[in-house]
Amino acid sequence: MKRKSLLKRIKDAIIEPLLNDEIINRQINVYNRNAAKAYAEAYAESPNTKDYPLFKDDDCTNFISQVLKAGGMMMRGRDYTNFNHWFCYTKDAKDLTKISLTWRSARYFRKYWGNENGIGRNAAREYRELIVLDALTNFQELYDYLEVGDVIQYGDPKKNNYPYHSQVVHAKEFNVALNRYDLFVAQHTANRKNVSLYEYLKLLQNKANRYIYIYHF
């Protein structure tokens, strides 16, 4: 039996009740990918401490939330412990009650924009889970699927594959060094941009057991 392509499996991998929240999913109509790209590239290496807090040792998800906000995603709620809320109303990294866990924590970000074992808000247009080995083996299809402004997280196989790191796609270009089309991601902790996603996936350990989580807006 012929195996489905990665892209077909990505599009078919809907776990009910995913994508039910039509009000939240309308956010896709206002997502400005160019604005998200501009913000990611401006502040990947030099954090925007003028407008947002900085978590020096764990800032990746805080940065990604800033990128989404720059792209037009609207903040929601004021209960920092509620995974249905997503907001940041302070520049003080110590004032944690004014920064939702979904804004700054990789695991809670997943619960808001995607879901954990079927439980979550699924606020992204599409949320999918893939084995790293599949993503790497079928990288061209992943390249075709993802767009600038989409987000990628990585699971830790030693900790139930809970996400521990977040990145945002800021460019889709031909990678001369690899002689192939590639996705380039920006991140904090460490502060970088123009990171080859293909090379990043290649360097990951436990490829057959480690998940990546992708958020398509």
C-alpha atoms as a PDB file:
ATOM      1  CA  MET A   1       0.000   0.000   0.000  1.00  0.00           C
ATOM      2  CA  LYS A   2       1.348   3.393  -0.983  1.00  0.00           C
ATOM      3  CA  ARG A   3       2.197   5.586   1.983  1.00  0.00           C
ATOM      4  CA  LYS A   4       0.536   8.994   2.139  1.00  0.00           C
ATOM      5  CA  SER A   5       2.810  11.944   1.509  1.00  0.00           C
ATOM      6  CA  LEU A   6       3.841  13.985   4.516  1.00  0.00           C
ATOM      7  CA  LEU A   7       1.830  16.969   3.290  1.00  0.00           C
ATOM      8  CA  LYS A   8      -1.301  14.827   2.902  1.00  0.00           C
ATOM      9  CA  ARG A   9      -0.811  13.390   6.387  1.00  0.00           C
ATOM     10  CA  ILE A  10      -0.310  16.865   7.826  1.00  0.00           C
ATOM     11  CA  LYS A  11      -3.562  18.073   6.306  1.00  0.00           C
ATOM     12  CA  ASP A  12      -5.465  14.947   7.328  1.00  0.00           C
ATOM     13  CA  ALA A  13      -4.179  14.864  10.921  1.00  0.00           C
ATOM     14  CA  ILE A  14      -7.200  16.485  12.548  1.00  0.00           C
ATOM     15  CA  ILE A  15      -8.006  15.366  16.073  1.00  0.00           C
ATOM     16  CA  GLU A  16     -11.535  16.273  17.119  1.00  0.00           C
ATOM     17  CA  PRO A  17     -12.481  18.784  18.308  1.00  0.00           C
ATOM     18  CA  LEU A  18      -9.661  20.680  16.564  1.00  0.00           C
ATOM     19  CA  LEU A  19     -10.451  23.902  14.731  1.00  0.00           C
ATOM     20  CA  ASN A  20     -13.939  24.217  16.261  1.00  0.00           C
ATOM     21  CA  ASP A  21     -13.479  27.713  17.646  1.00  0.00           C
ATOM     22  CA  GLU A  22     -14.506  29.774  14.633  1.00  0.00           C
ATOM     23  CA  ILE A  23     -14.342  33.083  16.504  1.00  0.00           C
ATOM     24  CA  ILE A  24     -10.706  32.611  17.478  1.00  0.00           C
ATOM     25  CA  ASN A  25      -9.772  31.075  14.130  1.00  0.00           C
ATOM     26  CA  ARG A  26     -10.937  34.256  12.405  1.00  0.00           C
ATOM     27  CA  GLN A  27      -7.696  35.723  13.685  1.00  0.00           C
ATOM     28  CA  ILE A  28      -6.133  34.236  10.562  1.00  0.00           C
ATOM     29  CA  ASN A  29      -7.847  36.951   8.550  1.00  0.00           C
ATOM     30  CA  VAL A  30      -5.858  39.668  10.304  1.00  0.00           C
ATOM     31  CA  TYR A  31      -2.471  37.934  10.552  1.00  0.00           C
ATOM     32  CA  ASN A  32       0.054  40.092   8.738  1.00  0.00           C
ATOM     33  CA  ARG A  33       2.937  37.804   7.842  1.00  0.00           C
ATOM     34  CA  ASN A  34       5.077  40.668   6.573  1.00  0.00           C
ATOM     35  CA  ALA A  35       4.707  42.489   9.899  1.00  0.00           C
ATOM     36  CA  ALA A  36       5.528  39.287  11.799  1.00  0.00           C
ATOM     37  CA  LYS A  37       8.616  38.777   9.624  1.00  0.00           C
ATOM     38  CA  ALA A  38       9.766  42.363  10.123  1.00  0.00           C
ATOM     39  CA  TYR A  39       9.427  42.102  13.897  1.00  0.00           C
ATOM     40  CA  ALA A  40      11.191  38.730  14.066  1.00  0.00           C
ATOM     41  CA  GLU A  41      14.128  39.988  12.040  1.00  0.00           C
ATOM     42  CA  ALA A  42      14.355  43.288  13.947  1.00  0.00           C
ATOM     43  CA  TYR A  43      14.346  41.778  17.437  1.00  0.00           C
ATOM     44  CA  ALA A  44      15.714  38.233  17.114  1.00  0.00           C
ATOM     45  CA  GLU A  45      19.246  39.275  18.002  1.00  0.00           C
ATOM     46  CA  SER A  46      18.447  42.433  19.999  1.00  0.00           C
ATOM     47  CA  PRO A  47      15.378  41.920  22.249  1.00  0.00           C
ATOM     48  CA  ASN A  48      12.683  44.598  22.383  1.00  0.00           C
ATOM     49  CA  THR A  49      12.997  45.548  26.041  1.00  0.00           C
ATOM     50  CA  LYS A  50      11.347  48.904  25.344  1.00  0.00           C
ATOM     51  CA  ASP A  51       7.951  47.229  25.014  1.00  0.00           C
ATOM     52  CA  TYR A  52       8.255  43.758  26.551  1.00  0.00           C
ATOM     53  CA  PRO A  53       9.870  41.854  29.436  1.00  0.00           C
ATOM     54  CA  LEU A  54      12.987  39.788  28.850  1.00  0.00           C
ATOM     55  CA  PHE A  55      13.516  36.367  30.446  1.00  0.00           C
ATOM     56  CA  LYS A  56      17.271  36.047  30.030  1.00  0.00           C
ATOM     57  CA  ASP A  57      17.536  32.269  30.352  1.00  0.00           C
ATOM     58  CA  ASP A  58      14.168  31.269  28.869  1.00  0.00           C
ATOM     59  CA  ASP A  59      12.856  33.878  26.437  1.00  0.00           C
ATOM     60  CA  CYS A  60      12.049  31.852  23.332  1.00  0.00           C
ATOM     61  CA  THR A  61       8.279  31.669  23.744  1.00  0.00           C
ATOM     62  CA  ASN A  62       7.993  35.237  25.017  1.00  0.00           C
ATOM     63  CA  PHE A  63       9.705  36.327  21.776  1.00  0.00           C
ATOM     64  CA  ILE A  64       7.441  34.194  19.577  1.00  0.00           C
ATOM     65  CA  SER A  65       4.350  35.654  21.250  1.00  0.00           C
ATOM     66  CA  GLN A  66       5.683  39.125  20.503  1.00  0.00           C
ATOM     67  CA  VAL A  67       6.037  38.161  16.843  1.00  0.00           C
ATOM     68  CA  LEU A  68       2.431  36.945  16.708  1.00  0.00           C
ATOM     69  CA  LYS A  69       1.239  40.145  18.388  1.00  0.00           C
ATOM     70  CA  ALA A  70       3.182  42.203  15.840  1.00  0.00           C
ATOM     71  CA  GLY A  71       1.434  40.215  13.121  1.00  0.00           C
ATOM     72  CA  GLY A  72      -1.980  41.242  14.441  1.00  0.00           C
ATOM     73  CA  MET A  73      -2.942  38.490  16.875  1.00  0.00           C
ATOM     74  CA  MET A  74      -5.075  39.994  19.632  1.00  0.00           C
ATOM     75  CA  MET A  75      -4.381  39.444  23.307  1.00  0.00           C
ATOM     76  CA  ARG A  76      -7.116  37.764  25.307  1.00  0.00           C
ATOM     77  CA  GLY A  77      -8.063  37.705  29.002  1.00  0.00           C
ATOM     78  CA  ARG A  78      -6.225  38.584  32.228  1.00  0.00           C
ATOM     79  CA  ASP A  79      -5.928  35.290  34.138  1.00  0.00           C
ATOM     80  CA  TYR A  80      -2.277  34.327  33.804  1.00  0.00           C
ATOM     81  CA  THR A  81      -2.911  30.684  34.791  1.00  0.00           C
ATOM     82  CA  ASN A  82      -5.749  30.089  32.287  1.00  0.00           C
ATOM     83  CA  PHE A  83      -4.671  28.400  29.029  1.00  0.00           C
ATOM     84  CA  ASN A  84      -7.633  30.064  27.283  1.00  0.00           C
ATOM     85  CA  HIS A  85      -5.984  33.458  27.882  1.00  0.00           C
ATOM     86  CA  TRP A  86      -2.959  34.940  26.059  1.00  0.00           C
ATOM     87  CA  PHE A  87      -1.562  38.331  27.048  1.00  0.00           C
ATOM     88  CA  CYS A  88       1.339  40.476  28.231  1.00  0.00           C
ATOM     89  CA  TYR A  89       0.538  43.746  30.000  1.00  0.00           C
ATOM     90  CA  THR A  90       3.926  44.605  31.514  1.00  0.00           C
ATOM     91  CA  LYS A  91       7.618  45.141  30.703  1.00  0.00           C
ATOM     92  CA  ASP A  92       8.683  43.804  34.100  1.00  0.00           C
ATOM     93  CA  ALA A  93       9.776  40.170  33.939  1.00  0.00           C
ATOM     94  CA  LYS A  94       9.093  39.846  37.675  1.00  0.00           C
ATOM     95  CA  ASP A  95       5.448  40.904  37.355  1.00  0.00           C
ATOM     96  CA  LEU A  96       4.321  37.449  36.298  1.00  0.00           C
ATOM     97  CA  THR A  97       0.625  37.925  37.051  1.00  0.00           C
ATOM     98  CA  LYS A  98       0.473  40.331  34.083  1.00  0.00           C
ATOM     99  CA  ILE A  99       2.014  37.837  31.647  1.00  0.00           C
ATOM    100  CA  SER A 100       0.016  34.721  30.850  1.00  0.00           C
ATOM    101  CA  LEU A 101       1.719  31.347  30.957  1.00  0.00           C
ATOM    102  CA  THR A 102       0.514  30.833  27.398  1.00  0.00           C
ATOM    103  CA  TRP A 103       2.546  33.892  26.375  1.00  0.00           C
ATOM    104  CA  ARG A 104       5.850  32.890  27.984  1.00  0.00           C
ATOM    105  CA  SER A 105       5.806  29.111  28.546  1.00  0.00           C
ATOM    106  CA  ALA A 106       6.375  26.738  25.622  1.00  0.00           C
ATOM    107  CA  ARG A 107       4.039  24.105  27.055  1.00  0.00           C
ATOM    108  CA  TYR A 108       1.199  26.531  27.769  1.00  0.00           C
ATOM    109  CA  PHE A 109       1.690  28.230  24.398  1.00  0.00           C
ATOM    110  CA  ARG A 110       0.875  24.851  22.882  1.00  0.00           C
ATOM    111  CA  LYS A 111      -2.263  24.582  25.018  1.00  0.00           C
ATOM    112  CA  TYR A 112      -3.528  27.934  23.706  1.00  0.00           C
ATOM    113  CA  TRP A 113      -2.538  27.844  20.030  1.00  0.00           C
ATOM    114  CA  GLY A 114      -2.749  24.052  19.721  1.00  0.00           C
ATOM    115  CA  ASN A 115      -3.566  21.330  22.206  1.00  0.00           C
ATOM    116  CA  GLU A 116      -1.982  18.789  24.513  1.00  0.00           C
ATOM    117  CA  ASN A 117      -3.447  15.330  23.997  1.00  0.00           C
ATOM    118  CA  GLY A 118      -6.659  16.844  22.633  1.00  0.00           C
ATOM    119  CA  ILE A 119      -7.047  19.443  25.400  1.00  0.00           C
ATOM    120  CA  GLY A 120      -6.466  23.037  24.384  1.00  0.00           C
ATOM    121  CA  ARG A 121      -7.861  26.081  22.650  1.00  0.00           C
ATOM    122  CA  ASN A 122      -6.598  25.340  19.110  1.00  0.00           C
ATOM    123  CA  ALA A 123      -6.478  29.058  18.338  1.00  0.00           C
ATOM    124  CA  ALA A 124      -4.088  28.613  15.398  1.00  0.00           C
ATOM    125  CA  ARG A 125      -5.619  28.015  12.005  1.00  0.00           C
ATOM    126  CA  GLU A 126      -3.989  24.579  11.917  1.00  0.00           C
ATOM    127  CA  TYR A 127      -1.969  22.724  14.534  1.00  0.00           C
ATOM    128  CA  ARG A 128      -0.079  19.542  13.707  1.00  0.00           C
ATOM    129  CA  GLU A 129       2.311  17.102  15.375  1.00  0.00           C
ATOM    130  CA  LEU A 130       5.103  15.358  13.449  1.00  0.00           C
ATOM    131  CA  ILE A 131       7.980  13.032  14.216  1.00  0.00           C
ATOM    132  CA  VAL A 132      11.278  14.786  13.521  1.00  0.00           C
ATOM    133  CA  LEU A 133      12.459  11.912  11.319  1.00  0.00           C
ATOM    134  CA  ASP A 134       9.375  12.243   9.090  1.00  0.00           C
ATOM    135  CA  ALA A 135       9.792  16.012   8.878  1.00  0.00           C
ATOM    136  CA  LEU A 136      13.433  15.678   7.892  1.00  0.00           C
ATOM    137  CA  THR A 137      12.930  12.831   5.429  1.00  0.00           C
ATOM    138  CA  ASN A 138      10.100  14.716   3.699  1.00  0.00           C
ATOM    139  CA  PHE A 139      11.483  18.206   4.192  1.00  0.00           C
ATOM    140  CA  GLN A 140      10.385  19.540   0.807  1.00  0.00           C
ATOM    141  CA  GLU A 141       6.757  18.889   1.709  1.00  0.00           C
ATOM    142  CA  LEU A 142       7.214  20.628   5.052  1.00  0.00           C
ATOM    143  CA  TYR A 143       8.756  23.539   3.149  1.00  0.00           C
ATOM    144  CA  ASP A 144       5.707  23.684   0.873  1.00  0.00           C
ATOM    145  CA  TYR A 145       3.336  23.654   3.836  1.00  0.00           C
ATOM    146  CA  LEU A 146       4.836  26.197   6.204  1.00  0.00           C
ATOM    147  CA  GLU A 147       4.764  29.954   5.582  1.00  0.00           C
ATOM    148  CA  VAL A 148       6.594  32.957   6.934  1.00  0.00           C
ATOM    149  CA  GLY A 149       5.127  33.738  10.368  1.00  0.00           C
ATOM    150  CA  ASP A 150       4.325  30.111  11.228  1.00  0.00           C
ATOM    151  CA  VAL A 151       5.699  28.680  14.472  1.00  0.00           C
ATOM    152  CA  ILE A 152       7.595  25.489  15.302  1.00  0.00           C
ATOM    153  CA  GLN A 153       8.132  23.886  18.704  1.00  0.00           C
ATOM    154  CA  TYR A 154      10.180  20.901  19.787  1.00  0.00           C
ATOM    155  CA  GLY A 155       9.253  18.149  22.207  1.00  0.00           C
ATOM    156  CA  ASP A 156      11.502  16.527  24.791  1.00  0.00           C
ATOM    157  CA  PRO A 157      11.208  12.712  24.556  1.00  0.00           C
ATOM    158  CA  LYS A 158      12.479  12.405  28.121  1.00  0.00           C
ATOM    159  CA  LYS A 159       9.598  14.555  29.402  1.00  0.00           C
ATOM    160  CA  ASN A 160       6.501  13.202  27.615  1.00  0.00           C
ATOM    161  CA  ASN A 161       7.450  15.255  24.538  1.00  0.00           C
ATOM    162  CA  TYR A 162       6.377  18.466  26.251  1.00  0.00           C
ATOM    163  CA  PRO A 163       7.590  21.411  24.144  1.00  0.00           C
ATOM    164  CA  TYR A 164      10.741  23.105  25.375  1.00  0.00           C
ATOM    165  CA  HIS A 165      11.673  25.508  22.555  1.00  0.00           C
ATOM    166  CA  SER A 166       9.836  27.792  20.118  1.00  0.00           C
ATOM    167  CA  GLN A 167      10.917  29.287  16.778  1.00  0.00           C
ATOM    168  CA  VAL A 168       9.253  31.314  14.023  1.00  0.00           C
ATOM    169  CA  VAL A 169       9.752  30.999  10.270  1.00  0.00           C
ATOM    170  CA  HIS A 170      10.958  34.352   8.942  1.00  0.00           C
ATOM    171  CA  ALA A 171      12.193  33.404   5.456  1.00  0.00           C
ATOM    172  CA  LYS A 172      11.739  30.787   2.731  1.00  0.00           C
ATOM    173  CA  GLU A 173      14.729  30.870   0.400  1.00  0.00           C
ATOM    174  CA  PHE A 174      17.241  28.819  -1.515  1.00  0.00           C
ATOM    175  CA  ASN A 175      20.033  27.756   0.816  1.00  0.00           C
ATOM    176  CA  VAL A 176      23.208  27.970  -1.255  1.00  0.00           C
ATOM    177  CA  ALA A 177      25.243  26.112   1.367  1.00  0.00           C
ATOM    178  CA  LEU A 178      22.882  23.122   1.227  1.00  0.00           C
ATOM    179  CA  ASN A 179      21.914  23.463  -2.455  1.00  0.00           C
ATOM    180  CA  ARG A 180      18.232  23.203  -1.585  1.00  0.00           C
ATOM    181  CA  TYR A 181      15.237  25.324  -0.626  1.00  0.00           C
ATOM    182  CA  ASP A 182      15.132  25.855   3.101  1.00  0.00           C
ATOM    183  CA  LEU A 183      13.115  27.474   5.873  1.00  0.00           C
ATOM    184  CA  PHE A 184      14.943  29.967   8.048  1.00  0.00           C
ATOM    185  CA  VAL A 185      13.845  30.501  11.633  1.00  0.00           C
ATOM    186  CA  ALA A 186      14.375  33.168  14.291  1.00  0.00           C
ATOM    187  CA  GLN A 187      14.534  32.533  18.023  1.00  0.00           C
ATOM    188  CA  HIS A 188      15.585  33.733  21.453  1.00  0.00           C
ATOM    189  CA  THR A 189      17.758  31.800  23.936  1.00  0.00           C
ATOM    190  CA  ALA A 190      20.093  31.852  22.069  1.00  0.00           C
ATOM    191  CA  ASN A 191      19.207  35.020  20.157  1.00  0.00           C
ATOM    192  CA  ARG A 192      19.500  34.150  16.477  1.00  0.00           C
ATOM    193  CA  LYS A 193      17.930  34.532  13.053  1.00  0.00           C
ATOM    194  CA  ASN A 194      18.620  32.944   9.646  1.00  0.00           C
ATOM    195  CA  VAL A 195      18.862  29.542  11.305  1.00  0.00           C
ATOM    196  CA  SER A 196      18.470  26.732   8.770  1.00  0.00           C
ATOM    197  CA  LEU A 197      15.541  24.593   9.852  1.00  0.00           C
ATOM    198  CA  TYR A 198      16.886  21.665   7.837  1.00  0.00           C
ATOM    199  CA  GLU A 199      20.225  21.815   9.648  1.00  0.00           C
ATOM    200  CA  TYR A 200      18.489  22.329  12.997  1.00  0.00           C
ATOM    201  CA  LEU A 201      16.406  19.180  12.506  1.00  0.00           C
ATOM    202  CA  LYS A 202      19.490  17.214  11.436  1.00  0.00           C
ATOM    203  CA  LEU A 203      21.268  18.088  14.676  1.00  0.00           C
ATOM    204  CA  LEU A 204      18.421  16.942  16.937  1.00  0.00           C
ATOM    205  CA  GLN A 205      18.838  13.704  18.891  1.00  0.00           C
ATOM    206  CA  ASN A 206      16.215  10.916  19.095  1.00  0.00           C
ATOM    207  CA  LYS A 207      14.697  11.827  15.718  1.00  0.00           C
ATOM    208  CA  ALA A 208      12.439   8.783  15.685  1.00  0.00           C
ATOM    209  CA  ASN A 209      10.937   9.616  19.091  1.00  0.00           C
ATOM    210  CA  ARG A 210      11.029  13.406  19.216  1.00  0.00           C
ATOM    211  CA  TYR A 211       8.030  15.442  18.047  1.00  0.00           C
ATOM    212  CA  ILE A 212       7.863  18.849  16.463  1.00  0.00           C
ATOM    213  CA  TYR A 213       4.697  20.907  16.775  1.00  0.00           C
ATOM    214  CA  ILE A 214       3.772  23.220  13.938  1.00  0.00           C
ATOM    215  CA  TYR A 215       1.347  26.121  14.058  1.00  0.00           C
ATOM    216  CA  HIS A 216       0.002  27.403  10.754  1.00  0.00           C
ATOM    217  CA  PHE A 217      -1.747  30.773  11.076  1.00  0.00           C
END
